[in-house]
């Protein structure tokens, strides 16, 4: 089986961390102790929020901000750290 995947390009998977140094194996999970916002996983919720913000900003510059920056700022305002994609203290306080 190893020969089948040897030399194949690695595709990064969002919200995961490497287990091996070449990126061929990774793991991911929702943040521990965070109530999921509805019947979706934390990761799916984050992706949906980013998509909504990108659609909102699509085709226009909102206050001089590029759409991708707007989406990350919107996510930050929703209580998610846009560098790590984990809930901020504000999210945890609101959920308590």
Protein backbone atom coordinates (compact mmCIF):
# COMPACT_ATOMS: atom_id res chain seq x y z
CA UNK A 1 0.00 0.00 0.00
CA UNK A 2 2.85 2.43 0.73
CA UNK A 3 4.07 2.24 -2.86
CA UNK A 4 0.70 3.53 -4.08
CA UNK A 5 1.02 6.85 -2.25
CA UNK A 6 4.79 7.29 -2.36
CA UNK A 7 5.66 10.52 -4.15
CA UNK A 8 2.08 11.75 -4.32
CA UNK A 9 1.47 15.42 -3.49
CA UNK A 10 0.08 16.17 -0.04
CA UNK A 11 -3.19 18.13 0.23
CA UNK A 12 -3.47 20.22 3.38
CA UNK A 13 -6.69 19.78 5.33
CA UNK A 14 -8.07 22.84 7.14
CA UNK A 15 -8.19 22.78 10.94
CA UNK A 16 -5.77 19.87 11.28
CA UNK A 17 -2.27 19.37 12.64
CA UNK A 18 0.47 17.19 11.23
CA UNK A 19 1.28 13.88 12.87
CA UNK A 20 4.24 13.18 10.58
CA UNK A 21 6.68 15.77 9.24
CA UNK A 22 5.80 15.31 5.55
CA UNK A 23 2.11 16.17 6.01
CA UNK A 24 0.87 12.78 4.87
CA UNK A 25 -0.98 12.15 8.11
CA UNK A 26 -2.82 14.69 10.24
CA UNK A 27 -5.52 14.90 12.87
CA UNK A 28 -8.23 17.37 13.82
CA UNK A 29 -11.09 17.79 16.27
CA UNK A 30 -13.48 20.40 17.55
CA UNK A 31 -12.23 22.46 20.52
CA UNK A 32 -12.77 20.64 23.81
CA UNK A 33 -15.54 22.01 26.01
CA UNK A 34 -17.05 24.25 23.35
CA UNK A 35 -20.75 23.85 22.78
CA UNK A 36 -21.30 23.43 19.09
CA UNK A 37 -23.39 26.17 17.52
CA UNK A 38 -26.22 23.95 16.29
CA UNK A 39 -26.10 20.49 14.72
CA UNK A 40 -22.83 21.19 12.86
CA UNK A 41 -19.24 20.76 13.98
CA UNK A 42 -17.22 23.74 15.16
CA UNK A 43 -15.10 23.53 12.01
CA UNK A 44 -18.14 23.51 9.74
CA UNK A 45 -19.62 26.49 11.58
CA UNK A 46 -16.37 28.44 11.16
CA UNK A 47 -16.28 27.63 7.42
CA UNK A 48 -19.91 28.70 7.01
CA UNK A 49 -19.26 32.00 8.81
CA UNK A 50 -16.23 32.67 6.61
CA UNK A 51 -18.23 31.86 3.49
CA UNK A 52 -21.06 34.17 4.52
CA UNK A 53 -18.61 37.01 5.14
CA UNK A 54 -16.88 36.44 1.79
CA UNK A 55 -20.24 36.52 -0.02
CA UNK A 56 -21.14 39.73 1.82
CA UNK A 57 -17.88 41.36 0.75
CA UNK A 58 -17.78 39.83 -2.75
CA UNK A 59 -17.41 42.30 -5.57
CA UNK A 60 -16.94 45.26 -3.28
CA UNK A 61 -14.40 46.66 -0.91
CA UNK A 62 -15.98 47.26 2.48
CA UNK A 63 -14.41 50.33 4.11
CA UNK A 64 -11.24 49.76 2.09
CA UNK A 65 -10.84 46.20 3.41
CA UNK A 66 -10.22 43.30 1.01
CA UNK A 67 -12.92 40.57 1.16
CA UNK A 68 -10.64 37.99 2.80
CA UNK A 69 -9.61 40.47 5.50
CA UNK A 70 -13.26 41.42 6.01
CA UNK A 71 -14.13 37.72 6.47
CA UNK A 72 -11.40 37.20 9.07
CA UNK A 73 -12.43 40.35 10.95
CA UNK A 74 -16.07 39.23 10.90
CA UNK A 75 -14.97 35.89 12.34
CA UNK A 76 -12.99 37.71 15.07
CA UNK A 77 -16.11 39.73 15.93
CA UNK A 78 -18.01 36.43 16.19
CA UNK A 79 -15.59 35.32 18.92
CA UNK A 80 -13.12 33.22 16.93
CA UNK A 81 -9.37 33.83 16.83
CA UNK A 82 -8.67 34.13 13.07
CA UNK A 83 -5.06 32.95 13.53
CA UNK A 84 -5.91 29.69 15.28
CA UNK A 85 -9.64 29.27 14.54
CA UNK A 86 -10.39 28.48 18.18
CA UNK A 87 -12.98 30.27 20.34
CA UNK A 88 -11.87 33.41 22.14
CA UNK A 89 -12.62 34.26 25.75
CA UNK A 90 -15.55 36.36 24.47
CA UNK A 91 -17.08 33.27 22.82
CA UNK A 92 -16.63 31.19 25.94
CA UNK A 93 -18.13 33.91 28.16
CA UNK A 94 -21.16 34.29 25.86
CA UNK A 95 -21.70 30.53 25.83
CA UNK A 96 -21.55 30.26 29.64
